[in-house]
Amino acid sequence: MKTPPTQAAACCPAPDERADLRPVEGDLADEELATLAKALGHPARVKILRILIRRDACVCGEIVDELPLAQSTVSQHLKVLKDAGLIRGEIDGPRTCYCIENRTLRRLRALVGGI
């Protein structure tokens, strides 16, 4: 069950709901899956994704509060997830609001399902 979105939910734009018609097999798909899998290759990053999915949006400080990691370490993990396209980070005044990139998450599911 998802918790209600936080006040920061407004800082992430609406998710892209368009269908992704790219193939789930072939060299490009394999490379894409490897990139996404590498981004998920650390338990802390999996936990961060779960937190963001559960909350719909989150501020960095709230993520840090839920993990037994230093803020700088959490920021590094957020950067890896953002670089892979699994999350978005929007600057909201002095904070950065992070949320799931639903289109990439759907793509990951399709690529894994294509194995």
Protein backbone atom coordinates (compact mmCIF):
# COMPACT_ATOMS: atom_id res chain seq x y z
CA MET A 1 0.00 0.00 0.00
CA LYS A 2 1.41 3.36 -1.03
CA THR A 3 1.67 6.10 1.52
CA PRO A 4 0.21 9.46 0.53
CA PRO A 5 2.51 11.63 -1.56
CA THR A 6 4.59 14.08 0.40
CA GLN A 7 4.52 17.82 -0.11
CA ALA A 8 7.45 17.29 -2.45
CA ALA A 9 5.27 15.31 -4.89
CA ALA A 10 4.51 18.50 -6.78
CA CYS A 11 8.15 18.98 -7.77
CA CYS A 12 8.26 15.88 -10.00
CA PRO A 13 6.37 16.19 -13.29
CA ALA A 14 3.65 13.74 -14.26
CA PRO A 15 4.97 10.36 -15.41
CA ASP A 16 5.25 9.57 -19.11
CA GLU A 17 2.59 6.95 -19.84
CA ARG A 18 3.38 6.39 -23.52
CA ALA A 19 4.00 2.79 -24.58
CA ASP A 20 7.60 1.79 -25.18
CA LEU A 21 7.69 -0.18 -28.41
CA ARG A 22 11.43 -0.86 -28.52
CA PRO A 23 12.41 -4.55 -28.82
CA VAL A 24 13.27 -6.48 -25.66
CA GLU A 25 15.82 -8.65 -27.45
CA GLY A 26 18.94 -7.86 -29.40
CA ASP A 27 22.25 -6.16 -28.73
CA LEU A 28 20.81 -2.76 -27.80
CA ALA A 29 18.23 -4.29 -25.46
CA ASP A 30 20.91 -6.46 -23.83
CA GLU A 31 23.10 -3.41 -23.28
CA GLU A 32 20.19 -1.46 -21.83
CA LEU A 33 19.28 -4.30 -19.47
CA ALA A 34 22.90 -4.61 -18.33
CA THR A 35 23.05 -0.87 -17.59
CA LEU A 36 19.84 -0.97 -15.55
CA ALA A 37 20.88 -4.15 -13.75
CA LYS A 38 24.22 -2.58 -12.84
CA ALA A 39 22.39 0.41 -11.35
CA LEU A 40 20.35 -2.01 -9.25
CA GLY A 41 23.46 -3.99 -8.29
CA HIS A 42 23.58 -2.64 -4.74
CA PRO A 43 21.02 -3.40 -2.01
CA ALA A 44 20.90 0.25 -0.94
CA ARG A 45 19.81 1.30 -4.43
CA VAL A 46 17.09 -1.36 -4.46
CA LYS A 47 15.92 -0.06 -1.07
CA ILE A 48 15.90 3.53 -2.38
CA LEU A 49 13.70 2.48 -5.31
CA ARG A 50 11.33 0.72 -2.93
CA ILE A 51 11.13 3.85 -0.75
CA LEU A 52 10.38 6.05 -3.75
CA ILE A 53 7.77 3.65 -5.15
CA ARG A 54 6.07 3.49 -1.75
CA ARG A 55 6.02 7.28 -1.29
CA ASP A 56 5.47 8.41 -4.90
CA ALA A 57 8.00 11.23 -4.24
CA CYS A 58 10.60 11.93 -1.64
CA VAL A 59 13.16 14.46 -0.48
CA CYS A 60 16.76 13.35 -0.01
CA GLY A 61 16.63 13.88 3.76
CA GLU A 62 13.65 11.54 4.07
CA ILE A 63 15.53 8.84 2.17
CA VAL A 64 18.56 9.26 4.43
CA ASP A 65 16.32 8.87 7.49
CA GLU A 66 15.23 5.43 6.28
CA LEU A 67 18.69 4.06 5.51
CA PRO A 68 21.63 3.27 7.80
CA LEU A 69 23.94 5.25 5.52
CA ALA A 70 25.56 8.66 5.53
CA GLN A 71 23.90 11.40 3.51
CA SER A 72 26.87 11.52 1.12
CA THR A 73 26.61 7.77 0.47
CA VAL A 74 22.87 8.05 -0.21
CA SER A 75 23.58 10.92 -2.60
CA GLN A 76 26.05 8.74 -4.51
CA HIS A 77 23.47 5.96 -4.80
CA LEU A 78 20.84 8.47 -5.97
CA LYS A 79 23.25 9.70 -8.65
CA VAL A 80 23.75 6.16 -9.98
CA LEU A 81 19.99 5.60 -10.14
CA LYS A 82 19.44 8.98 -11.80
CA ASP A 83 22.22 8.42 -14.35
CA ALA A 84 20.60 5.08 -15.28
CA GLY A 85 17.27 6.86 -15.76
CA LEU A 86 15.46 4.94 -13.00
CA ILE A 87 14.68 8.08 -11.00
CA ARG A 88 14.30 11.80 -11.56
CA GLY A 89 15.60 14.51 -9.30
CA GLU A 90 14.07 17.97 -9.38
CA ILE A 91 15.48 20.91 -7.44
CA ASP A 92 12.85 22.35 -5.12
CA GLY A 93 14.41 25.34 -3.38
CA PRO A 94 17.19 24.11 -1.09
CA ARG A 95 16.12 20.46 -1.51
CA THR A 96 16.14 17.94 -4.30
CA CYS A 97 12.96 15.95 -4.76
CA TYR A 98 13.45 12.43 -6.14
CA CYS A 99 10.79 10.27 -7.74
CA ILE A 100 10.56 7.10 -9.81
CA GLU A 101 10.86 7.32 -13.58
CA ASN A 102 7.90 5.05 -14.30
CA ARG A 103 8.66 4.65 -17.99
CA THR A 104 12.16 3.28 -17.26
CA LEU A 105 10.80 1.00 -14.55
CA ARG A 106 8.25 -0.41 -17.03
CA ARG A 107 11.08 -0.85 -19.56
CA LEU A 108 13.16 -2.73 -16.99
CA ARG A 109 10.24 -5.06 -16.32
CA ALA A 110 9.83 -5.69 -20.05
CA LEU A 111 13.55 -6.35 -20.55
CA VAL A 112 13.68 -8.79 -17.63
CA GLY A 113 10.53 -10.47 -18.91
CA GLY A 114 12.20 -10.90 -22.30
CA ILE A 115 14.98 -13.10 -20.90
